[in-house]
Structures are given as structure tokens and as C-alpha cells.
Protein backbone atom coordinates (compact mmCIF):
# COMPACT_ATOMS: atom_id res chain seq x y z
CA MET A 1 0.04 -0.09 -0.02
CA ALA A 2 1.27 3.08 -0.98
CA ARG A 3 2.19 5.80 1.51
CA GLU A 4 -0.40 8.81 1.64
CA LYS A 5 0.35 12.17 2.47
CA THR A 6 -0.18 13.35 6.53
CA VAL A 7 -1.92 16.86 7.34
CA TYR A 8 -3.12 18.23 9.89
CA THR A 9 -6.57 19.55 10.13
CA CYS A 10 -8.13 21.76 12.29
CA GLN A 11 -11.34 20.27 14.34
CA GLU A 12 -12.94 23.65 14.63
CA CYS A 13 -12.69 25.57 10.98
CA GLY A 14 -11.86 22.44 8.94
CA GLY A 15 -8.56 24.37 7.71
CA SER A 16 -5.45 22.33 7.41
CA SER A 17 -1.83 22.56 7.44
CA PRO A 18 1.27 20.62 6.17
CA LYS A 19 2.71 20.60 9.66
CA TRP A 20 1.55 20.67 13.23
CA LEU A 21 1.12 24.13 14.87
CA GLY A 22 0.00 25.20 18.20
CA LYS A 23 -2.58 27.86 16.71
CA CYS A 24 -4.48 26.87 13.63
CA PRO A 25 -3.34 29.54 10.84
CA HIS A 26 -7.07 29.89 9.71
CA CYS A 27 -9.16 30.08 12.69
CA GLN A 28 -6.46 31.06 15.35
CA ALA A 29 -7.76 28.61 17.67
CA TRP A 30 -5.48 26.65 19.74
CA ASN A 31 -4.70 22.81 20.15
CA THR A 32 -6.84 22.26 17.29
CA LEU A 33 -5.13 20.82 14.51
CA VAL A 34 -5.38 16.70 14.60
CA GLU A 35 -3.06 14.34 12.38
CA SER A 36 -5.11 13.21 9.45
CA VAL A 37 -4.40 11.35 6.23
CA ALA A 38 -4.32 13.58 2.83
CA VAL A 39 -6.60 12.46 -0.02
CA PRO A 40 -4.70 13.47 -3.22
CA ASP A 41 -8.02 13.84 -5.30
CA ALA A 42 -11.68 13.48 -5.60
CA GLY A 43 -11.67 10.02 -7.24
CA THR A 44 -9.34 8.52 -4.52
CA ALA A 45 -11.56 10.02 -1.90
CA ARG A 46 -14.79 8.20 -3.19
CA ASN A 47 -12.77 4.93 -3.36
CA ARG A 48 -11.53 5.23 0.02
CA PHE A 49 -15.06 5.69 1.19
CA ALA A 50 -17.02 3.46 -1.04
CA ALA A 51 -17.22 0.78 0.97
CA LEU A 52 -18.98 2.15 3.86
CA ALA A 53 -22.12 3.49 2.17
CA PRO A 54 -22.89 2.01 -1.68
CA SER A 55 -24.30 4.38 -3.79
CA SER A 56 -27.99 4.07 -4.83
CA SER A 57 -31.08 5.81 -6.21
CA VAL A 58 -33.62 7.47 -4.07
CA ALA A 59 -36.41 5.34 -3.07
CA VAL A 60 -39.63 5.49 -1.23
CA LEU A 61 -39.30 3.95 1.95
CA ALA A 62 -42.32 1.75 1.85
CA ASP A 63 -41.33 0.07 -1.72
CA ILE A 64 -37.87 -0.91 0.09
CA GLU A 65 -37.90 -4.70 0.89
CA ALA A 66 -36.59 -5.02 4.53
CA ALA A 67 -35.18 -8.44 4.91
CA ASP A 68 -34.32 -9.66 8.33
CA VAL A 69 -30.89 -9.70 9.62
CA GLU A 70 -29.09 -13.01 9.77
CA ARG A 71 -27.70 -13.94 13.03
CA THR A 72 -25.04 -16.34 13.70
CA PRO A 73 -25.13 -17.77 17.71
CA THR A 74 -21.88 -17.40 19.40
CA GLY A 75 -22.79 -20.19 21.60
CA HIS A 76 -22.96 -18.20 24.85
CA GLU A 77 -26.52 -17.38 25.25
CA GLU A 78 -25.94 -14.56 27.56
CA LEU A 79 -23.11 -13.01 24.97
CA ASP A 80 -26.18 -13.59 22.19
CA ARG A 81 -28.65 -11.92 24.27
CA VAL A 82 -26.66 -8.29 24.22
CA LEU A 83 -25.67 -8.75 20.62
CA GLY A 84 -29.13 -9.53 19.75
CA GLY A 85 -29.21 -13.15 18.98
CA GLY A 86 -25.63 -13.11 17.62
CA MET A 87 -23.11 -12.01 15.25
CA VAL A 88 -24.46 -10.26 12.26
CA GLU A 89 -22.48 -10.53 8.59
CA GLY A 90 -20.36 -7.30 8.18
CA GLY A 91 -21.24 -5.93 11.75
CA VAL A 92 -18.47 -4.17 13.62
CA VAL A 93 -18.83 -4.82 17.86
CA LEU A 94 -16.68 -2.38 20.04
CA ILE A 95 -16.13 -4.22 23.49
CA GLY A 96 -14.78 -1.96 26.47
CA GLY A 97 -14.05 -2.87 30.05
CA ASP A 98 -11.45 -2.33 32.68
CA PRO A 99 -8.19 -4.36 32.57
CA GLY A 100 -8.70 -8.03 33.83
CA ILE A 101 -12.41 -7.95 33.45
CA GLY A 102 -12.41 -10.82 30.90
CA LYS A 103 -12.78 -9.20 27.41
CA SER A 104 -10.35 -11.37 25.95
CA THR A 105 -11.24 -14.65 27.72
CA LEU A 106 -14.78 -14.39 26.43
CA LEU A 107 -14.00 -13.52 23.17
CA LEU A 108 -11.64 -16.37 22.92
CA GLN A 109 -14.04 -18.71 23.92
CA ALA A 110 -16.78 -17.23 21.32
CA LEU A 111 -14.38 -17.93 18.80
CA ASP A 112 -13.74 -21.32 19.52
CA SER A 113 -17.52 -22.07 19.84
CA LEU A 114 -17.76 -20.42 16.56
CA GLN A 115 -14.91 -22.24 15.05
CA ARG A 116 -16.71 -25.47 16.30
CA LEU A 117 -19.58 -24.60 14.34
CA GLY A 118 -17.82 -24.44 11.31
CA GLN A 119 -17.17 -20.39 11.20
CA ARG A 120 -14.06 -19.63 10.00
CA THR A 121 -12.36 -17.33 12.60
CA LEU A 122 -9.24 -15.09 13.38
CA TYR A 123 -7.96 -13.38 16.63
CA VAL A 124 -5.64 -10.84 16.09
CA THR A 125 -3.60 -10.12 19.34
CA GLY A 126 -1.63 -6.84 19.84
CA GLU A 127 -1.16 -7.28 23.43
CA GLU A 128 0.08 -10.73 23.65
CA SER A 129 2.56 -13.12 21.68
CA GLY A 130 0.77 -16.40 19.95
CA ALA A 131 2.45 -18.62 22.59
CA GLN A 132 0.65 -16.21 25.22
CA VAL A 133 -2.87 -16.91 23.93
CA ALA A 134 -1.98 -20.56 23.42
CA LEU A 135 -1.02 -20.70 27.16
CA ARG A 136 -4.37 -19.07 28.08
CA SER A 137 -6.15 -21.28 25.61
CA ARG A 138 -4.99 -24.20 27.72
CA ARG A 139 -5.61 -22.75 30.84
CA LEU A 140 -9.72 -22.43 29.87
CA GLY A 141 -9.44 -26.19 28.30
CA LEU A 142 -9.35 -24.77 24.79
CA GLY A 143 -6.12 -26.98 24.28
CA SER A 144 -7.54 -28.42 20.68
CA SER A 145 -8.94 -25.14 19.22
CA GLN A 146 -8.33 -24.38 15.79
CA VAL A 147 -8.90 -20.82 16.14
CA ARG A 148 -6.34 -19.03 13.80
CA VAL A 149 -4.18 -16.45 15.33
CA LEU A 150 -2.12 -13.29 14.58
CA ALA A 151 0.38 -11.39 16.56
CA GLU A 152 0.27 -8.00 14.78
CA ILE A 153 -0.20 -4.61 15.17
CA GLN A 154 0.52 -2.66 11.72
CA LEU A 155 -2.85 -1.94 10.25
CA GLU A 156 -1.72 -2.90 6.57
CA LYS A 157 -0.69 -6.44 7.28
CA ILE A 158 -4.16 -6.93 9.63
CA LEU A 159 -6.19 -6.18 6.27
CA ALA A 160 -3.83 -8.21 4.35
CA THR A 161 -4.45 -11.04 6.43
CA LEU A 162 -8.26 -10.48 6.61
CA GLN A 163 -8.46 -10.27 3.01
CA ALA A 164 -6.47 -13.97 2.78
CA GLU A 165 -8.03 -15.69 5.23
CA ALA A 166 -11.11 -14.23 4.45
CA PRO A 167 -12.83 -15.20 8.22
CA GLN A 168 -16.57 -14.55 8.86
CA VAL A 169 -15.78 -13.80 12.45
CA ALA A 170 -12.59 -11.55 13.75
CA VAL A 171 -11.33 -10.12 16.93
CA ILE A 172 -8.84 -7.07 17.20
CA ASP A 173 -7.35 -7.24 20.31
CA SER A 174 -7.19 -4.04 20.85
CA ILE A 175 -7.79 -1.13 18.68
CA GLN A 176 -5.69 0.82 20.72
CA THR A 177 -2.52 -1.33 19.72
CA VAL A 178 -2.81 -0.77 15.95
CA TYR A 179 -1.05 1.47 13.85
CA SER A 180 -1.03 2.41 10.37
CA ASP A 181 2.00 3.51 8.18
CA GLN A 182 0.03 6.61 7.04
CA LEU A 183 0.29 8.21 9.99
CA THR A 184 3.34 9.11 12.35
CA SER A 185 1.64 9.39 15.36
CA ALA A 186 2.21 6.75 17.81
CA PRO A 187 -0.54 3.82 18.41
CA GLY A 188 -3.43 4.98 20.75
CA SER A 189 -3.25 8.37 19.72
CA VAL A 190 -6.67 9.90 18.27
CA ALA A 191 -5.61 10.02 14.84
CA GLN A 192 -4.26 6.30 15.00
CA VAL A 193 -7.47 4.85 16.61
CA ARG A 194 -9.94 6.72 14.41
CA GLU A 195 -8.25 6.05 11.24
CA CYS A 196 -7.64 2.19 11.95
CA ALA A 197 -11.16 1.79 13.45
CA ALA A 198 -12.50 3.58 9.77
CA HIS A 199 -10.33 1.03 7.81
CA LEU A 200 -11.38 -2.11 9.66
CA THR A 201 -15.04 -0.84 9.78
CA ARG A 202 -14.82 -0.46 5.62
CA ALA A 203 -13.06 -3.85 5.43
CA ALA A 204 -15.92 -5.35 7.44
CA LYS A 205 -18.62 -3.68 5.47
CA SER A 206 -16.99 -4.41 1.83
CA SER A 207 -16.18 -8.35 2.87
CA GLY A 208 -18.78 -9.08 5.20
CA THR A 209 -16.65 -10.26 7.80
CA ALA A 210 -18.10 -9.64 11.49
CA ILE A 211 -15.20 -7.67 13.47
CA VAL A 212 -15.09 -7.42 17.03
CA LEU A 213 -12.54 -4.56 18.44
CA VAL A 214 -11.54 -4.51 21.74
CA GLY A 215 -11.07 -1.20 23.51
CA HIS A 216 -9.27 0.34 26.26
CA VAL A 217 -11.09 2.35 28.78
CA THR A 218 -10.16 5.44 30.71
CA LYS A 219 -9.80 5.52 34.65
CA GLU A 220 -13.31 6.74 34.54
CA GLY A 221 -14.81 3.77 32.93
CA ALA A 222 -15.48 5.30 29.48
CA LEU A 223 -14.03 3.95 25.90
CA ALA A 224 -10.58 5.72 25.24
CA GLY A 225 -10.27 7.46 22.20
CA PRO A 226 -12.30 9.80 20.15
CA ARG A 227 -16.09 9.17 20.64
CA VAL A 228 -16.84 8.73 16.93
CA LEU A 229 -15.09 5.36 17.64
CA GLU A 230 -18.73 4.60 19.25
CA HIS A 231 -20.56 6.26 16.36
CA MET A 232 -18.48 4.19 13.69
CA VAL A 233 -19.53 0.65 14.77
CA ASP A 234 -22.62 -1.10 15.06
CA THR A 235 -22.64 -2.11 18.56
CA VAL A 236 -20.98 -0.87 21.72
CA LEU A 237 -20.78 -3.19 24.50
CA TYR A 238 -19.28 -2.29 27.98
CA PHE A 239 -18.05 -5.33 30.36
CA GLU A 240 -18.65 -4.15 34.03
CA GLY A 241 -18.20 -5.72 37.41
CA ASP A 242 -15.85 -6.08 40.48
CA THR A 243 -12.57 -7.84 39.86
CA HIS A 244 -12.81 -9.22 43.64
CA SER A 245 -16.36 -10.68 42.41
CA GLN A 246 -16.57 -13.95 40.47
CA PHE A 247 -19.57 -12.31 38.50
CA ARG A 248 -19.36 -10.02 35.43
CA LEU A 249 -21.90 -8.06 33.71
CA ILE A 250 -21.85 -6.88 29.75
CA ARG A 251 -24.25 -4.54 28.54
CA ALA A 252 -25.09 -3.27 25.49
CA ILE A 253 -25.07 0.63 25.17
CA LYS A 254 -25.68 0.73 21.69
CA ASN A 255 -26.88 -2.11 18.87
CA ARG A 256 -28.27 -1.32 15.46
CA PHE A 257 -29.12 -4.75 15.38
CA GLY A 258 -30.97 -5.24 18.41
CA ALA A 259 -32.48 -3.45 21.75
CA VAL A 260 -30.11 -1.34 23.67
CA ASN A 261 -29.59 -1.77 27.43
CA GLU A 262 -29.90 -5.49 27.46
CA MET A 263 -27.57 -7.32 29.69
CA GLY A 264 -25.81 -10.42 30.02
CA VAL A 265 -24.44 -12.10 33.39
CA PHE A 266 -21.33 -14.49 33.93
CA ALA A 267 -19.58 -15.85 36.14
CA MET A 268 -15.78 -16.29 36.12
CA THR A 269 -14.53 -19.87 36.83
CA GLU A 270 -11.28 -21.94 36.62
CA LYS A 271 -12.26 -22.66 32.92
CA GLY A 272 -13.30 -19.23 31.99
CA LEU A 273 -16.75 -17.35 31.77
CA LYS A 274 -19.76 -19.26 31.89
CA GLY A 275 -23.39 -17.74 31.48
CA VAL A 276 -25.82 -17.48 34.31
CA SER A 277 -28.94 -18.59 34.08
CA ASN A 278 -30.88 -16.81 36.81
CA PRO A 279 -29.02 -13.72 37.47
CA SER A 280 -31.72 -12.88 39.99
CA ALA A 281 -30.19 -14.86 42.44
CA ILE A 282 -26.58 -12.90 42.46
CA PHE A 283 -28.78 -9.81 43.18
CA LEU A 284 -30.68 -11.11 46.26
CA SER A 285 -28.84 -11.94 49.63
CA GLN A 286 -29.66 -15.22 51.43
CA HIS A 287 -30.69 -13.94 54.97
CA ALA A 288 -31.52 -16.59 57.52
CA GLU A 289 -34.15 -14.66 58.86
CA ALA A 290 -35.88 -11.31 57.48
CA VAL A 291 -33.61 -8.15 58.65
CA PRO A 292 -34.65 -4.37 58.98
CA GLY A 293 -33.59 -2.32 55.94
CA SER A 294 -34.01 -4.68 53.24
CA CYS A 295 -36.68 -4.55 50.41
CA VAL A 296 -36.50 -6.40 46.92
CA MET A 297 -37.36 -4.72 43.73
CA VAL A 298 -38.08 -5.63 40.45
CA THR A 299 -35.89 -3.87 37.85
CA LEU A 300 -35.68 -4.19 34.12
CA GLU A 301 -32.42 -4.58 32.38
CA GLY A 302 -33.21 -4.56 28.62
CA SER A 303 -36.20 -7.35 28.09
CA ARG A 304 -35.16 -9.11 31.25
CA PRO A 305 -37.00 -8.59 34.46
CA LEU A 306 -34.49 -8.84 37.16
CA LEU A 307 -35.01 -8.83 41.27
CA VAL A 308 -32.49 -7.06 43.29
CA GLU A 309 -32.36 -6.42 47.02
CA ILE A 310 -31.92 -2.96 48.08
CA GLN A 311 -30.28 -2.30 51.20
CA ALA A 312 -30.54 0.88 53.61
CA LEU A 313 -29.06 1.67 56.77
CA VAL A 314 -29.66 4.79 58.76
CA ASP A 315 -27.45 5.64 61.42
CA SER A 316 -27.39 8.49 63.91
CA GLY A 317 -25.27 11.20 62.26
CA GLY A 318 -23.75 14.42 63.29
CA PRO A 319 -24.36 17.85 62.45
CA SER A 320 -23.70 17.18 58.76
CA PRO A 321 -25.34 13.63 58.03
CA ARG A 322 -24.09 11.85 55.38
CA ARG A 323 -26.41 10.76 52.40
CA LEU A 324 -24.15 8.26 50.52
CA SER A 325 -25.69 5.34 47.81
CA VAL A 326 -23.94 2.86 45.81
CA GLY A 327 -25.46 1.28 42.74
CA LEU A 328 -28.20 4.21 42.82
CA GLU A 329 -28.30 7.99 42.03
CA ARG A 330 -26.62 9.91 45.01
CA ASP A 331 -28.55 13.20 43.95
CA ARG A 332 -32.32 10.73 43.47
CA LEU A 333 -31.67 9.82 47.42
CA ALA A 334 -31.45 13.28 48.94
CA LEU A 335 -34.87 14.14 46.62
CA LEU A 336 -36.49 10.67 48.05
CA LEU A 337 -35.64 11.84 51.83
CA ALA A 338 -37.13 15.05 51.18
CA VAL A 339 -40.24 13.49 50.03
CA LEU A 340 -40.51 11.06 52.62
CA HIS A 341 -40.21 13.66 55.15
CA ARG A 342 -42.48 16.39 53.47
CA HIS A 343 -45.42 13.89 52.32
CA ALA A 344 -45.26 10.81 54.77
CA GLY A 345 -44.02 12.70 57.91
CA VAL A 346 -41.08 10.35 58.27
CA ALA A 347 -37.79 12.57 59.39
CA CYS A 348 -34.01 11.60 58.85
CA GLY A 349 -32.76 14.93 58.90
CA ASP A 350 -30.30 14.45 61.65
CA GLN A 351 -29.54 10.81 60.23
CA ASP A 352 -26.63 9.23 58.45
CA VAL A 353 -28.47 7.00 55.36
CA PHE A 354 -26.16 4.84 53.06
CA VAL A 355 -28.32 2.56 50.39
CA ASN A 356 -27.15 -0.27 48.50
CA ALA A 357 -27.97 -2.22 45.63
CA VAL A 358 -26.68 -5.85 46.16
CA GLY A 359 -24.55 -7.63 43.68
CA GLY A 360 -22.58 -4.49 42.15
CA VAL A 361 -25.86 -3.75 39.96
CA ARG A 362 -26.24 -0.33 38.94
CA ILE A 363 -29.86 0.85 38.63
CA SER A 364 -30.71 3.66 36.81
CA GLU A 365 -34.68 3.64 36.40
CA PRO A 366 -36.98 5.40 38.79
CA ALA A 367 -38.91 2.16 39.45
CA ALA A 368 -36.35 1.78 42.55
CA ASP A 369 -37.92 5.12 44.46
CA LEU A 370 -40.55 3.05 46.27
CA PRO A 371 -38.59 0.29 47.24
CA VAL A 372 -35.80 2.77 48.59
CA LEU A 373 -37.89 4.31 50.45
CA LEU A 374 -39.56 1.40 52.09
CA ALA A 375 -36.10 -0.19 52.53
CA ILE A 376 -35.31 3.32 54.44
CA ALA A 377 -38.17 3.31 56.59
CA SER A 378 -37.58 -0.38 57.56
CA SER A 379 -34.25 0.45 58.99
CA LEU A 380 -35.09 3.59 60.63
CA ARG A 381 -38.07 2.02 62.66
CA GLY A 382 -35.58 -1.24 63.10
CA ARG A 383 -38.51 -3.97 61.55
CA PRO A 384 -38.01 -6.09 58.68
CA LEU A 385 -40.20 -6.22 55.91
CA PRO A 386 -42.50 -9.51 55.49
CA LYS A 387 -40.81 -12.56 54.19
CA GLY A 388 -41.62 -12.79 50.25
CA PHE A 389 -42.05 -9.04 50.02
CA PHE A 390 -40.99 -6.98 47.16
CA SER A 391 -42.21 -3.61 45.65
CA PHE A 392 -41.26 -1.01 42.55
CA GLY A 393 -42.45 2.42 41.55
CA GLU A 394 -41.47 5.92 40.98
CA VAL A 395 -42.19 8.15 43.33
CA GLY A 396 -42.90 12.36 42.61
CA LEU A 397 -42.03 15.56 44.31
CA ALA A 398 -45.73 15.67 45.08
CA GLY A 399 -45.76 12.52 47.11
CA GLU A 400 -47.46 10.65 44.15
CA VAL A 401 -46.60 6.95 43.46
CA ARG A 402 -46.14 6.91 39.32
CA PRO A 403 -46.45 3.55 37.50
CA ALA A 404 -43.54 1.38 36.43
CA PRO A 405 -43.21 0.49 32.72
CA ARG A 406 -44.21 -3.39 31.91
CA GLY A 407 -45.52 -3.82 35.52
CA GLN A 408 -47.20 -7.14 34.75
CA GLU A 409 -44.00 -8.78 33.65
CA ARG A 410 -42.06 -8.00 36.64
CA LEU A 411 -45.24 -9.02 38.75
CA LYS A 412 -45.20 -12.30 36.78
CA GLU A 413 -41.34 -12.95 37.45
CA ALA A 414 -41.43 -12.19 41.20
CA ALA A 415 -44.28 -14.46 41.65
CA LYS A 416 -42.33 -17.41 39.31
CA LEU A 417 -39.43 -16.99 42.10
CA GLY A 418 -41.61 -17.63 45.17
CA PHE A 419 -42.75 -14.15 46.12
CA THR A 420 -45.87 -13.62 47.68
CA THR A 421 -46.42 -9.74 48.74
CA ALA A 422 -46.12 -6.83 46.46
CA LEU A 423 -46.76 -3.23 47.15
CA VAL A 424 -46.86 -1.59 43.77
CA PRO A 425 -48.33 2.00 42.23
CA LYS A 426 -52.01 1.36 41.78
CA ALA A 427 -51.53 1.65 37.80
CA ASN A 428 -49.72 -1.71 37.95
CA ALA A 429 -52.08 -3.65 39.84
CA PRO A 430 -52.86 -6.62 37.67
CA LYS A 431 -56.64 -7.12 36.35
CA LYS A 432 -56.59 -10.39 36.87
CA PRO A 433 -55.10 -12.22 39.94
CA ILE A 434 -51.78 -13.92 39.86
CA GLU A 435 -51.59 -16.91 41.87
CA GLY A 436 -49.90 -17.04 45.10
CA LEU A 437 -49.30 -13.40 44.93
CA THR A 438 -51.04 -10.82 46.85
CA VAL A 439 -50.82 -7.21 45.81
CA HIS A 440 -51.30 -3.94 47.45
CA ALA A 441 -51.62 -0.83 45.30
CA VAL A 442 -51.24 2.62 46.57
CA ASP A 443 -51.42 5.77 44.92
CA ARG A 444 -48.95 7.92 47.30
CA VAL A 445 -46.30 7.56 49.47
CA ASP A 446 -48.04 8.17 52.88
CA GLU A 447 -50.33 5.31 51.71
CA ALA A 448 -47.34 3.02 51.41
CA MET A 449 -46.15 4.03 54.73
CA GLN A 450 -49.45 3.14 56.84
CA LEU A 451 -49.53 0.08 54.32
CA LEU A 452 -46.12 -0.81 55.79
CA ARG A 453 -46.87 -0.35 59.24
CA SER A 454 -50.00 -2.74 59.08
CA LEU A 455 -47.57 -5.43 57.50
CA GLU A 456 -45.26 -5.64 59.78
């Protein structure tokens, strides 16, 4: 591949310079020049990006034939769930997570499963040697795996191998280690990551190879590199979890071929990552007897209802009481405490309040409001909630209890797992009785607190 000329383009005005300057010579903005590849002429420009979106004529939407996207299962049910059913031909997946969380382990297991199903696979490693990958595969019990491995970080050689091998699924581990000879900046820089990802995306679309890009994350947990990287790909997955715990969560943030916010749950074992068939068991503590400050809620992660235990601890505080939440929004906790005081007469102004979602799961939906208030009231009174009790519902500033989406599915999931008593918004009360489940419906927070006292 011929070496193309490098220029520096301003991110503010679009002007270019043959060399890097601290100030853009066109708009006078500071630190806006970024290295990029200069395209010699319009014909080359058209050829360079033709693989991303082939030209077509204007058509009426109703006249366009919509075909279902064919998916190839990876052999891991939890991974297929977040992918929307499996790998898609020509699809590009970006997966990020903390170091040591299990990204490479899961992808090597998935490639081995695909290879055993007859798929042509390729694992490109830029952070390990082939011997290190082989050692890891033997540790995972994949010593006889026929997955093809390439230890390479130069983009041009990777593209040539993809063209020669023609794999159906390829993994690039990781995109931050790949560099192109067309650019002079170091691997991992903004220009290199953006250019290499664009070339690999074009290769996937033109050849039909499904490519998985492994991305590094920053200390805040976001994917490192330019944000445009997430816009280039079809699917963005985040690996979450505490490295000291055996459980890992993988969540879909973006998916052009499936639902977003889907979550898969894995357990790290000696033989690699295994899918968890009943994830609700992870997020429920096993108490021998009912304890104060514990309330089970039903949350939705994509299309899956999950039962999560919300724990609260209310203790005497000093002149500046603390409010701390883990797995829940901290600002939301302060709002709920104000509603609890104003509309239910339960004061926690001089108390430290700590709230935690068991299992390391993060809950962002407002349906956790009512369970949080019930757990706080239970801890403050020192009386446990009844055994088999659960709740969900959003709480407004006026003290009203608002319905949660897909309430019937939440109720049925809890009943299936043996829960017997529910406190839910009146709008979520089932029209037909659910066998083995007693449902108490409320409109306001003060009604919920009165009902709580009657159930204790």
C-alpha cells in the first residue's frame, strides 16, 4: 500500500496545515490541529469511502424490501442476548472494560465455539504473543482449539491477512495497539485509533466479515479514544463488574441490530466465563431471617426482569449527616428523603443514610424509588419487611406513586421466583389475580407507609 501524505486538520474550522502548529493558521484556535490522511484527489476520496455506504438511487421507504438480518449464535447465550441474537455478517462490535475483567477470555471462548460450529475465525492480538494466547487457551480447556491467531499491530498487514484468510468472524485485541504506516503518530493516539477503526469498519462492510474491536477504557470507565469510535461501529458493549467478585456483567449501550440496555451475566470460573441462567439469585442476599432495611425490587434490564435487593442503613449522624448510595443515583436519594419527610412525616434530617444495591448492579430507572423509601423506613423503625415481600414504583415530588413500565412482567417474574406479597403503584395492579401473589396498590407515599406499618 502506497504511503499517503499526512496533513493536520483543524477540528474547529476544517482548515489544514502541512505540519503541526499550536495555533490554527485559519481560525487562530489553539490546540485544534489533529493528524489525518490527505486524499490526493476526488476520485481517490470516492474509492476510499465507497465500502462504507454504496451509492443507490432515491426510493420510497414503503417500496424498499426489508430483509431480516441473519445472525450467527456464538454458543454463549448471555453474549447472544446483548448482541441481539448473535453475530451479524459485516457487523462491527466494540467491547470495552477494565483491565483483567475478562474481555479477551470471553472473546477467545466465543471464537472457539464459532469455530466448532464451522465458522472461519481469526484472533488478532496486539498485546500478547501467540504463545501467550495458546497458554491462556490451554488454561481455559481449549487446548485443541483450531482458532487461527495472528500477533500483529500494523494495520496494513492485518487488512492483508483479513483479505487472504477471509474469516467470517475476527477479533482485534485491541484497537489501541494497532497503527497505520500512513500516520506518524504513536499507536493509541486519537488519529491512529480513528483511522484504524475506519479502515477495519470499511473492510468489514465490504467483505462481510464480522469484526469485534476490543477497546481500552479510561479511569472513569469510558472507552478511550475519540467518541466518534462509538459512532462508527454497529454495537457498543461494556464489561462491568468487580475484579474481586466472580460475577461479570456485559451491557449493550448501542446496538443497530437489537435492543439497547440488554444485560448478560457471567461467572468467572477456572475454565473461563460461564453464563448465569438465573441472575436474580446474584442480586438477592440469602438471609436466614428477615432483617430491617432490606427490600427486594424488580428492575428491567433491556427485556429481562431482574430481582435486586435494596439495602438501607439509617444511623445517628452528626451536624452534617451523610447520604451515600452505591448502585443508585446519589442525587435521587436526597430527593427521596425530602419527599419522605414532607409527604409521609418520616424525618431523617439528623440521620446518616446509606443505600446499596446488592451484587454490584447499577440501577438507573426511577422504579427503584418506592423500594428505597421502604428500605429506609424499615431501617429507621428497626423492623424488617415481611418475608416474600417486594416492591417497585416511581415517586414524584408531590408524593404521588407513579407506575413503572411493563409492571405485569415484573409481577409475574417475582411470583415465579416464590415471592408472595407486592406493594406497587395502583396503575400497575393486575386486572386478573396472579396465583400465589397478594398485590397491594397505592397512590401516594403516605399510603405506602401506612400499609407498611400494617404489614409489619
